[in-house]
Amino acid sequence: MEILLKSWKEAEVDAFLVRQEVFIVEQGVPAELELDGFDSSAAHVLAYQDARCIGTGRLVNLSAKQAQIGRMAVLPKFRGKGVGKQILRKLVDLAASRGIRGIILHSQVSAIPFYEKLGFQAQGDIYDEAGIPHRNMMLSLANSD
């Protein structure tokens, strides 16, 4: 498996195919909500196996010290094999390299245990996002200057 960092221009086709299958087809997220204004400025991490994109995630800088991870998606048959963990670690490492001190993400409630294993802590109440229960999660990068 290969984990690559790409701009939206480089990642758009592959990332959207994964996000379309996971969010739009599998989870029923309205297509018009899937693409937003953050993709073009985000850093995208994509996982490839045998030249096929099997997972994706993005990092959006919200300020000089805070970023948001989002649009994490792994194709169904590749889940539970460490793909999401590798994507998330790459995104966290990228944030740390940029001097980010805190990362936020909107986790689907079913994915909270996945993020907790990698150090994220749930905060606040559960809310609805695109018809799916979510909860905010935070990760402090104490070693960032």
N, C-alpha and C. Protein backbone atom coordinates (compact mmCIF):
# COMPACT_ATOMS: atom_id res chain seq x y z
N MET A 1 0.84 -1.17 0.00
CA MET A 1 0.00 0.00 0.00
C MET A 1 0.88 1.24 0.00
N GLU A 2 0.40 2.25 -0.68
CA GLU A 2 1.13 3.51 -0.80
C GLU A 2 0.24 4.63 -0.27
N ILE A 3 0.80 5.51 0.58
CA ILE A 3 0.07 6.66 1.13
C ILE A 3 0.71 7.91 0.55
N LEU A 4 -0.09 8.70 -0.18
CA LEU A 4 0.44 9.86 -0.88
C LEU A 4 -0.26 11.15 -0.46
N LEU A 5 0.50 12.22 -0.38
CA LEU A 5 -0.01 13.56 -0.11
C LEU A 5 -0.17 14.27 -1.44
N LYS A 6 -1.37 14.83 -1.68
CA LYS A 6 -1.64 15.47 -2.96
C LYS A 6 -2.44 16.76 -2.78
N SER A 7 -2.34 17.63 -3.76
CA SER A 7 -3.22 18.80 -3.84
C SER A 7 -4.57 18.33 -4.37
N TRP A 8 -5.60 19.17 -4.27
CA TRP A 8 -6.91 18.80 -4.79
C TRP A 8 -6.84 18.57 -6.29
N LYS A 9 -6.08 19.37 -6.99
CA LYS A 9 -5.97 19.21 -8.45
C LYS A 9 -5.46 17.80 -8.79
N GLU A 10 -4.50 17.31 -8.00
CA GLU A 10 -3.94 15.97 -8.23
C GLU A 10 -4.85 14.86 -7.69
N ALA A 11 -5.61 15.17 -6.63
CA ALA A 11 -6.37 14.14 -5.91
C ALA A 11 -7.83 14.05 -6.32
N GLU A 12 -8.35 15.06 -6.98
CA GLU A 12 -9.79 15.21 -7.17
C GLU A 12 -10.49 13.96 -7.71
N VAL A 13 -10.00 13.40 -8.78
CA VAL A 13 -10.68 12.26 -9.40
C VAL A 13 -10.69 11.06 -8.46
N ASP A 14 -9.52 10.68 -7.94
CA ASP A 14 -9.43 9.49 -7.08
C ASP A 14 -10.16 9.70 -5.76
N ALA A 15 -9.96 10.84 -5.12
CA ALA A 15 -10.60 11.10 -3.83
C ALA A 15 -12.11 11.12 -3.98
N PHE A 16 -12.60 11.76 -5.02
CA PHE A 16 -14.04 11.83 -5.18
C PHE A 16 -14.66 10.46 -5.44
N LEU A 17 -13.97 9.60 -6.17
CA LEU A 17 -14.52 8.26 -6.40
C LEU A 17 -14.71 7.50 -5.09
N VAL A 18 -13.74 7.61 -4.19
CA VAL A 18 -13.86 6.94 -2.88
C VAL A 18 -14.96 7.60 -2.07
N ARG A 19 -14.95 8.93 -2.00
CA ARG A 19 -15.96 9.64 -1.21
C ARG A 19 -17.37 9.41 -1.76
N GLN A 20 -17.48 9.34 -3.06
CA GLN A 20 -18.79 9.07 -3.67
C GLN A 20 -19.30 7.69 -3.25
N GLU A 21 -18.43 6.68 -3.34
CA GLU A 21 -18.86 5.32 -2.98
C GLU A 21 -19.23 5.22 -1.50
N VAL A 22 -18.41 5.82 -0.63
CA VAL A 22 -18.63 5.70 0.82
C VAL A 22 -19.74 6.62 1.29
N PHE A 23 -19.65 7.91 0.99
CA PHE A 23 -20.60 8.86 1.56
C PHE A 23 -21.93 8.91 0.81
N ILE A 24 -21.87 9.02 -0.50
CA ILE A 24 -23.09 9.21 -1.28
C ILE A 24 -23.84 7.90 -1.47
N VAL A 25 -23.15 6.87 -1.95
CA VAL A 25 -23.82 5.59 -2.25
C VAL A 25 -24.10 4.81 -0.96
N GLU A 26 -23.05 4.54 -0.17
CA GLU A 26 -23.20 3.69 1.01
C GLU A 26 -23.99 4.37 2.14
N GLN A 27 -23.68 5.65 2.40
CA GLN A 27 -24.27 6.31 3.57
C GLN A 27 -25.42 7.25 3.25
N GLY A 28 -25.68 7.49 1.99
CA GLY A 28 -26.82 8.31 1.60
C GLY A 28 -26.67 9.80 1.80
N VAL A 29 -25.45 10.29 1.86
CA VAL A 29 -25.22 11.73 1.97
C VAL A 29 -25.61 12.38 0.64
N PRO A 30 -26.39 13.46 0.67
CA PRO A 30 -26.75 14.13 -0.58
C PRO A 30 -25.50 14.56 -1.36
N ALA A 31 -25.48 14.29 -2.65
CA ALA A 31 -24.31 14.58 -3.49
C ALA A 31 -23.90 16.04 -3.39
N GLU A 32 -24.87 16.94 -3.28
CA GLU A 32 -24.54 18.37 -3.25
C GLU A 32 -23.82 18.79 -1.96
N LEU A 33 -23.84 17.93 -0.94
CA LEU A 33 -23.13 18.24 0.31
C LEU A 33 -21.71 17.68 0.33
N GLU A 34 -21.40 16.78 -0.58
CA GLU A 34 -20.11 16.10 -0.50
C GLU A 34 -18.93 17.00 -0.87
N LEU A 35 -19.03 17.73 -1.94
CA LEU A 35 -17.95 18.64 -2.33
C LEU A 35 -18.23 20.00 -1.72
N ASP A 36 -17.19 20.64 -1.19
CA ASP A 36 -17.38 21.96 -0.59
C ASP A 36 -16.21 22.86 -0.95
N GLY A 37 -16.24 24.06 -0.43
CA GLY A 37 -15.21 25.05 -0.76
C GLY A 37 -13.87 24.80 -0.12
N PHE A 38 -13.77 23.80 0.75
CA PHE A 38 -12.49 23.54 1.43
C PHE A 38 -11.56 22.62 0.64
N ASP A 39 -12.10 21.85 -0.29
CA ASP A 39 -11.26 20.89 -1.01
C ASP A 39 -10.08 21.55 -1.71
N SER A 40 -10.32 22.68 -2.35
CA SER A 40 -9.26 23.30 -3.15
C SER A 40 -8.09 23.80 -2.31
N SER A 41 -8.32 24.15 -1.04
CA SER A 41 -7.24 24.64 -0.19
C SER A 41 -6.70 23.56 0.75
N ALA A 42 -7.31 22.41 0.77
CA ALA A 42 -6.91 21.34 1.69
C ALA A 42 -5.75 20.53 1.13
N ALA A 43 -5.04 19.89 2.06
CA ALA A 43 -4.06 18.87 1.69
C ALA A 43 -4.79 17.54 1.75
N HIS A 44 -4.63 16.72 0.74
CA HIS A 44 -5.34 15.45 0.65
C HIS A 44 -4.34 14.29 0.75
N VAL A 45 -4.71 13.30 1.56
CA VAL A 45 -3.90 12.09 1.70
C VAL A 45 -4.72 10.95 1.11
N LEU A 46 -4.12 10.22 0.20
CA LEU A 46 -4.81 9.12 -0.47
C LEU A 46 -4.01 7.84 -0.30
N ALA A 47 -4.72 6.74 -0.09
CA ALA A 47 -4.11 5.41 0.02
C ALA A 47 -4.38 4.65 -1.27
N TYR A 48 -3.33 4.02 -1.79
CA TYR A 48 -3.43 3.25 -3.03
C TYR A 48 -2.97 1.83 -2.80
N GLN A 49 -3.69 0.91 -3.42
CA GLN A 49 -3.25 -0.48 -3.47
C GLN A 49 -3.42 -0.95 -4.90
N ASP A 50 -2.35 -1.47 -5.46
CA ASP A 50 -2.36 -1.91 -6.85
C ASP A 50 -2.88 -0.82 -7.79
N ALA A 51 -2.39 0.40 -7.58
CA ALA A 51 -2.71 1.58 -8.40
C ALA A 51 -4.16 2.03 -8.28
N ARG A 52 -4.91 1.47 -7.33
CA ARG A 52 -6.31 1.88 -7.12
C ARG A 52 -6.41 2.65 -5.81
N CYS A 53 -7.08 3.79 -5.84
CA CYS A 53 -7.29 4.56 -4.63
C CYS A 53 -8.33 3.84 -3.77
N ILE A 54 -7.95 3.54 -2.52
CA ILE A 54 -8.84 2.79 -1.63
C ILE A 54 -9.24 3.58 -0.39
N GLY A 55 -8.64 4.77 -0.20
CA GLY A 55 -8.98 5.58 0.96
C GLY A 55 -8.49 6.99 0.80
N THR A 56 -9.13 7.91 1.54
CA THR A 56 -8.77 9.31 1.43
C THR A 56 -9.12 10.07 2.71
N GLY A 57 -8.49 11.20 2.90
CA GLY A 57 -8.78 12.12 3.99
C GLY A 57 -8.16 13.45 3.64
N ARG A 58 -8.59 14.51 4.35
CA ARG A 58 -8.02 15.82 4.04
C ARG A 58 -7.74 16.61 5.31
N LEU A 59 -6.84 17.58 5.18
CA LEU A 59 -6.47 18.48 6.27
C LEU A 59 -6.70 19.91 5.80
N VAL A 60 -7.51 20.64 6.57
CA VAL A 60 -7.79 22.04 6.27
C VAL A 60 -7.23 22.88 7.40
N ASN A 61 -6.36 23.83 7.08
CA ASN A 61 -5.87 24.75 8.11
C ASN A 61 -6.97 25.77 8.40
N LEU A 62 -7.40 25.83 9.66
CA LEU A 62 -8.42 26.79 10.07
C LEU A 62 -7.79 28.10 10.54
N SER A 63 -6.57 27.99 11.08
CA SER A 63 -5.79 29.15 11.52
C SER A 63 -4.34 28.70 11.56
N ALA A 64 -3.47 29.56 12.05
CA ALA A 64 -2.05 29.20 12.11
C ALA A 64 -1.79 28.06 13.08
N LYS A 65 -2.68 27.84 14.04
CA LYS A 65 -2.45 26.83 15.07
C LYS A 65 -3.53 25.75 15.16
N GLN A 66 -4.58 25.85 14.32
CA GLN A 66 -5.64 24.85 14.38
C GLN A 66 -6.00 24.37 12.97
N ALA A 67 -6.26 23.07 12.88
CA ALA A 67 -6.63 22.47 11.60
C ALA A 67 -7.79 21.51 11.82
N GLN A 68 -8.42 21.14 10.71
CA GLN A 68 -9.52 20.18 10.76
C GLN A 68 -9.25 19.06 9.79
N ILE A 69 -9.42 17.83 10.28
CA ILE A 69 -9.35 16.64 9.44
C ILE A 69 -10.77 16.29 9.05
N GLY A 70 -10.94 15.91 7.80
CA GLY A 70 -12.27 15.56 7.35
C GLY A 70 -12.25 14.69 6.12
N ARG A 71 -13.46 14.31 5.70
CA ARG A 71 -13.68 13.50 4.50
C ARG A 71 -12.85 12.23 4.52
N MET A 72 -12.69 11.66 5.74
CA MET A 72 -11.99 10.37 5.88
C MET A 72 -12.91 9.27 5.35
N ALA A 73 -12.42 8.50 4.41
CA ALA A 73 -13.22 7.43 3.83
C ALA A 73 -12.30 6.32 3.33
N VAL A 74 -12.70 5.09 3.62
CA VAL A 74 -12.00 3.91 3.13
C VAL A 74 -13.04 3.00 2.49
N LEU A 75 -12.73 2.49 1.32
CA LEU A 75 -13.66 1.59 0.64
C LEU A 75 -13.98 0.39 1.53
N PRO A 76 -15.23 -0.09 1.52
CA PRO A 76 -15.67 -1.13 2.45
C PRO A 76 -14.77 -2.36 2.55
N LYS A 77 -14.32 -2.89 1.44
CA LYS A 77 -13.56 -4.14 1.52
C LYS A 77 -12.13 -3.96 2.05
N PHE A 78 -11.72 -2.70 2.26
CA PHE A 78 -10.38 -2.44 2.79
C PHE A 78 -10.41 -1.95 4.24
N ARG A 79 -11.58 -1.89 4.85
CA ARG A 79 -11.70 -1.45 6.24
C ARG A 79 -11.18 -2.54 7.18
N GLY A 80 -10.68 -2.07 8.33
CA GLY A 80 -10.17 -3.00 9.33
C GLY A 80 -8.79 -3.54 9.02
N LYS A 81 -8.12 -2.93 8.04
CA LYS A 81 -6.79 -3.40 7.62
C LYS A 81 -5.71 -2.34 7.84
N GLY A 82 -6.04 -1.30 8.60
CA GLY A 82 -5.05 -0.27 8.92
C GLY A 82 -4.95 0.86 7.91
N VAL A 83 -5.79 0.87 6.90
CA VAL A 83 -5.73 1.92 5.87
C VAL A 83 -6.09 3.26 6.48
N GLY A 84 -7.21 3.33 7.18
CA GLY A 84 -7.64 4.58 7.80
C GLY A 84 -6.63 5.09 8.80
N LYS A 85 -6.04 4.18 9.58
CA LYS A 85 -5.03 4.56 10.57
C LYS A 85 -3.83 5.22 9.88
N GLN A 86 -3.38 4.65 8.77
CA GLN A 86 -2.23 5.22 8.06
C GLN A 86 -2.56 6.59 7.46
N ILE A 87 -3.76 6.73 6.94
CA ILE A 87 -4.19 8.03 6.40
C ILE A 87 -4.22 9.07 7.52
N LEU A 88 -4.85 8.70 8.63
CA LEU A 88 -4.98 9.63 9.76
C LEU A 88 -3.61 10.01 10.31
N ARG A 89 -2.71 9.05 10.46
CA ARG A 89 -1.37 9.37 10.97
C ARG A 89 -0.64 10.33 10.04
N LYS A 90 -0.78 10.12 8.75
CA LYS A 90 -0.14 11.02 7.78
C LYS A 90 -0.70 12.44 7.91
N LEU A 91 -2.03 12.55 8.09
CA LEU A 91 -2.65 13.87 8.25
C LEU A 91 -2.20 14.53 9.54
N VAL A 92 -2.12 13.79 10.64
CA VAL A 92 -1.67 14.34 11.92
C VAL A 92 -0.21 14.77 11.82
N ASP A 93 0.63 13.95 11.19
CA ASP A 93 2.04 14.31 11.01
C ASP A 93 2.18 15.57 10.17
N LEU A 94 1.35 15.70 9.14
CA LEU A 94 1.38 16.89 8.31
C LEU A 94 1.00 18.12 9.13
N ALA A 95 -0.04 18.00 9.94
CA ALA A 95 -0.46 19.12 10.79
C ALA A 95 0.67 19.51 11.74
N ALA A 96 1.30 18.53 12.36
CA ALA A 96 2.40 18.82 13.29
C ALA A 96 3.54 19.52 12.58
N SER A 97 3.84 19.10 11.36
CA SER A 97 4.93 19.73 10.60
C SER A 97 4.62 21.17 10.23
N ARG A 98 3.35 21.53 10.24
CA ARG A 98 2.92 22.90 9.94
C ARG A 98 2.79 23.75 11.20
N GLY A 99 3.13 23.20 12.35
CA GLY A 99 3.05 23.94 13.59
C GLY A 99 1.65 24.00 14.20
N ILE A 100 0.79 23.14 13.72
CA ILE A 100 -0.58 23.09 14.25
C ILE A 100 -0.53 22.56 15.68
N ARG A 101 -1.30 23.17 16.58
CA ARG A 101 -1.33 22.75 17.98
C ARG A 101 -2.58 21.94 18.33
N GLY A 102 -3.62 22.09 17.52
CA GLY A 102 -4.85 21.37 17.81
C GLY A 102 -5.57 20.98 16.53
N ILE A 103 -6.10 19.77 16.52
CA ILE A 103 -6.84 19.26 15.37
C ILE A 103 -8.25 18.93 15.82
N ILE A 104 -9.21 19.36 15.04
CA ILE A 104 -10.61 19.02 15.28
C ILE A 104 -11.10 18.16 14.13
N LEU A 105 -12.08 17.31 14.42
CA LEU A 105 -12.76 16.59 13.35
C LEU A 105 -14.18 16.32 13.78
N HIS A 106 -15.04 16.14 12.80
CA HIS A 106 -16.44 15.78 13.02
C HIS A 106 -16.55 14.29 12.77
N SER A 107 -16.60 13.52 13.84
CA SER A 107 -16.63 12.06 13.71
C SER A 107 -18.05 11.54 13.66
N GLN A 108 -18.30 10.63 12.74
CA GLN A 108 -19.53 9.88 12.82
C GLN A 108 -19.46 9.11 14.14
N VAL A 109 -20.59 9.04 14.86
CA VAL A 109 -20.60 8.39 16.17
C VAL A 109 -20.03 6.97 16.09
N SER A 110 -20.33 6.26 15.03
CA SER A 110 -19.83 4.89 14.88
C SER A 110 -18.31 4.82 14.74
N ALA A 111 -17.67 5.93 14.36
CA ALA A 111 -16.21 5.95 14.17
C ALA A 111 -15.46 6.49 15.38
N ILE A 112 -16.16 6.91 16.42
CA ILE A 112 -15.48 7.47 17.60
C ILE A 112 -14.41 6.53 18.15
N PRO A 113 -14.68 5.23 18.33
CA PRO A 113 -13.62 4.34 18.86
C PRO A 113 -12.35 4.33 17.99
N PHE A 114 -12.51 4.41 16.69
CA PHE A 114 -11.35 4.46 15.78
C PHE A 114 -10.48 5.67 16.10
N TYR A 115 -11.09 6.84 16.21
CA TYR A 115 -10.32 8.06 16.49
C TYR A 115 -9.76 8.07 17.91
N GLU A 116 -10.51 7.52 18.87
CA GLU A 116 -10.01 7.47 20.25
C GLU A 116 -8.73 6.64 20.34
N LYS A 117 -8.64 5.56 19.59
CA LYS A 117 -7.43 4.72 19.61
C LYS A 117 -6.21 5.50 19.14
N LEU A 118 -6.43 6.55 18.39
CA LEU A 118 -5.31 7.34 17.87
C LEU A 118 -5.16 8.67 18.61
N GLY A 119 -5.78 8.76 19.81
CA GLY A 119 -5.54 9.90 20.69
C GLY A 119 -6.56 11.01 20.68
N PHE A 120 -7.55 10.95 19.80
CA PHE A 120 -8.58 11.99 19.76
C PHE A 120 -9.54 11.80 20.93
N GLN A 121 -10.07 12.92 21.44
CA GLN A 121 -11.03 12.88 22.54
C GLN A 121 -12.34 13.52 22.10
N ALA A 122 -13.44 12.83 22.40
CA ALA A 122 -14.77 13.34 22.06
C ALA A 122 -15.09 14.55 22.92
N GLN A 123 -15.76 15.53 22.30
CA GLN A 123 -16.16 16.75 23.02
C GLN A 123 -17.55 17.16 22.58
N GLY A 124 -18.32 17.66 23.53
CA GLY A 124 -19.63 18.21 23.20
C GLY A 124 -20.67 17.15 22.94
N ASP A 125 -21.82 17.63 22.53
CA ASP A 125 -22.97 16.77 22.30
C ASP A 125 -22.95 16.15 20.90
N ILE A 126 -23.74 15.12 20.73
CA ILE A 126 -23.95 14.50 19.42
C ILE A 126 -24.88 15.41 18.62
N TYR A 127 -24.61 15.55 17.33
CA TYR A 127 -25.42 16.39 16.45
C TYR A 127 -25.58 15.70 15.11
N ASP A 128 -26.51 16.20 14.32
CA ASP A 128 -26.78 15.64 13.00
C ASP A 128 -25.99 16.41 11.95
N GLU A 129 -25.30 15.66 11.09
CA GLU A 129 -24.61 16.26 9.95
C GLU A 129 -24.90 15.37 8.75
N ALA A 130 -25.59 15.92 7.77
CA ALA A 130 -25.97 15.17 6.56
C ALA A 130 -26.78 13.91 6.89
N GLY A 131 -27.60 14.00 7.94
CA GLY A 131 -28.45 12.88 8.31
C GLY A 131 -27.77 11.78 9.10
N ILE A 132 -26.53 12.02 9.55
CA ILE A 132 -25.75 11.02 10.28
C ILE A 132 -25.33 11.61 11.62
N PRO A 133 -25.50 10.88 12.74
CA PRO A 133 -25.06 11.39 14.04
C PRO A 133 -23.54 11.56 14.08
N HIS A 134 -23.12 12.74 14.54
CA HIS A 134 -21.70 13.08 14.65
C HIS A 134 -21.40 13.63 16.04
N ARG A 135 -20.12 13.63 16.36
CA ARG A 135 -19.64 14.29 17.57
C ARG A 135 -18.26 14.86 17.27
N ASN A 136 -17.99 16.05 17.79
CA ASN A 136 -16.68 16.65 17.59
C ASN A 136 -15.62 15.89 18.38
N MET A 137 -14.43 15.81 17.81
CA MET A 137 -13.29 15.21 18.48
C MET A 137 -12.09 16.12 18.31
N MET A 138 -11.23 16.12 19.33
CA MET A 138 -10.06 17.00 19.33
C MET A 138 -8.80 16.19 19.62
N LEU A 139 -7.71 16.68 19.07
CA LEU A 139 -6.38 16.12 19.37
C LEU A 139 -5.46 17.29 19.60
N SER A 140 -4.81 17.29 20.75
CA SER A 140 -3.83 18.32 21.07
C SER A 140 -2.45 17.83 20.65
N LEU A 141 -1.74 18.69 19.94
CA LEU A 141 -0.37 18.36 19.51
C LEU A 141 0.57 19.16 20.41
N ALA A 142 0.80 18.66 21.60
CA ALA A 142 1.55 19.38 22.62
C ALA A 142 3.00 19.65 22.20
N ASN A 143 3.53 18.83 21.31
CA ASN A 143 4.94 19.00 20.91
C ASN A 143 5.13 20.04 19.82
N SER A 144 4.03 20.61 19.30
CA SER A 144 4.17 21.63 18.26
C SER A 144 4.53 22.96 18.91
N ASP A 145 5.35 23.70 18.23
CA ASP A 145 5.74 25.02 18.76
C ASP A 145 4.88 26.09 18.21
